[in-house]
Amino acid sequence: MMEFHDIKTRNDLADSLEIPRKKLSYLLYKNDINTFYTSFEIDKKKWWRSKN
């Protein structure tokens, strides 16, 4: 497996992630960045109570 600092190109990245190059290009360029993240809020009082 390639070391992170050895990755220089998209092809190197795809090979390192063991995914097809076309799939990497799709993920990078075809998807809207907002589809990767979900916003949510955590009620701190309830969260702390449940962790104790």
C-alpha atoms as a PDB file:
ATOM      1  CA  MET A   1       0.000   0.000   0.000  1.00  0.00           C
ATOM      2  CA  MET A   2       1.186   3.475  -0.875  1.00  0.00           C
ATOM      3  CA  GLU A   3       2.145   5.909   1.892  1.00  0.00           C
ATOM      4  CA  PHE A   4       0.043   9.072   2.069  1.00  0.00           C
ATOM      5  CA  HIS A   5       2.958  11.357   1.240  1.00  0.00           C
ATOM      6  CA  ASP A   6       3.630   9.286  -1.905  1.00  0.00           C
ATOM      7  CA  ILE A   7       0.219  10.113  -3.405  1.00  0.00           C
ATOM      8  CA  LYS A   8       0.796  12.690  -6.130  1.00  0.00           C
ATOM      9  CA  THR A   9      -2.065  12.252  -8.613  1.00  0.00           C
ATOM     10  CA  ARG A  10      -5.760  11.328  -8.667  1.00  0.00           C
ATOM     11  CA  ASN A  11      -4.765   7.976 -10.102  1.00  0.00           C
ATOM     12  CA  ASP A  12      -2.419   7.386  -7.159  1.00  0.00           C
ATOM     13  CA  LEU A  13      -5.251   8.288  -4.786  1.00  0.00           C
ATOM     14  CA  ALA A  14      -7.699   5.931  -6.491  1.00  0.00           C
ATOM     15  CA  ASP A  15      -5.154   3.126  -6.390  1.00  0.00           C
ATOM     16  CA  SER A  16      -4.425   3.792  -2.723  1.00  0.00           C
ATOM     17  CA  LEU A  17      -8.151   3.762  -1.860  1.00  0.00           C
ATOM     18  CA  GLU A  18      -8.588   0.669  -4.034  1.00  0.00           C
ATOM     19  CA  ILE A  19     -11.460   2.182  -6.001  1.00  0.00           C
ATOM     20  CA  PRO A  20     -11.817   2.592  -9.760  1.00  0.00           C
ATOM     21  CA  ARG A  21     -10.514   5.890 -11.139  1.00  0.00           C
ATOM     22  CA  LYS A  22     -13.906   6.643 -12.703  1.00  0.00           C
ATOM     23  CA  LYS A  23     -15.613   6.288  -9.329  1.00  0.00           C
ATOM     24  CA  LEU A  24     -13.127   8.681  -7.714  1.00  0.00           C
ATOM     25  CA  SER A  25     -13.717  11.232 -10.469  1.00  0.00           C
ATOM     26  CA  TYR A  26     -17.471  10.862  -9.996  1.00  0.00           C
ATOM     27  CA  LEU A  27     -17.188  11.403  -6.247  1.00  0.00           C
ATOM     28  CA  LEU A  28     -14.969  14.443  -6.698  1.00  0.00           C
ATOM     29  CA  TYR A  29     -16.727  16.203  -9.558  1.00  0.00           C
ATOM     30  CA  LYS A  30     -20.289  14.963 -10.087  1.00  0.00           C
ATOM     31  CA  ASN A  31     -21.664  14.985  -6.543  1.00  0.00           C
ATOM     32  CA  ASP A  32     -22.761  18.151  -4.810  1.00  0.00           C
ATOM     33  CA  ILE A  33     -20.590  18.732  -1.728  1.00  0.00           C
ATOM     34  CA  ASN A  34     -23.743  19.235   0.369  1.00  0.00           C
ATOM     35  CA  THR A  35     -24.716  15.588  -0.129  1.00  0.00           C
ATOM     36  CA  PHE A  36     -21.704  14.482   1.951  1.00  0.00           C
ATOM     37  CA  TYR A  37     -22.626  16.281   5.177  1.00  0.00           C
ATOM     38  CA  THR A  38     -25.581  16.323   7.506  1.00  0.00           C
ATOM     39  CA  SER A  39     -26.153  19.067  10.039  1.00  0.00           C
ATOM     40  CA  PHE A  40     -27.509  18.215  13.457  1.00  0.00           C
ATOM     41  CA  GLU A  41     -27.564  19.609  16.960  1.00  0.00           C
ATOM     42  CA  ILE A  42     -26.818  17.818  20.208  1.00  0.00           C
ATOM     43  CA  ASP A  43     -28.611  18.811  23.364  1.00  0.00           C
ATOM     44  CA  LYS A  44     -25.615  19.132  25.668  1.00  0.00           C
ATOM     45  CA  LYS A  45     -27.603  18.654  28.878  1.00  0.00           C
ATOM     46  CA  LYS A  46     -29.139  15.372  27.719  1.00  0.00           C
ATOM     47  CA  TRP A  47     -25.891  14.148  26.158  1.00  0.00           C
ATOM     48  CA  TRP A  48     -23.923  14.704  29.350  1.00  0.00           C
ATOM     49  CA  ARG A  49     -26.603  13.031  31.462  1.00  0.00           C
ATOM     50  CA  SER A  50     -26.626   9.967  29.262  1.00  0.00           C
ATOM     51  CA  LYS A  51     -22.817   9.677  29.379  1.00  0.00           C
ATOM     52  CA  ASN A  52     -22.562   9.748  33.210  1.00  0.00           C
END
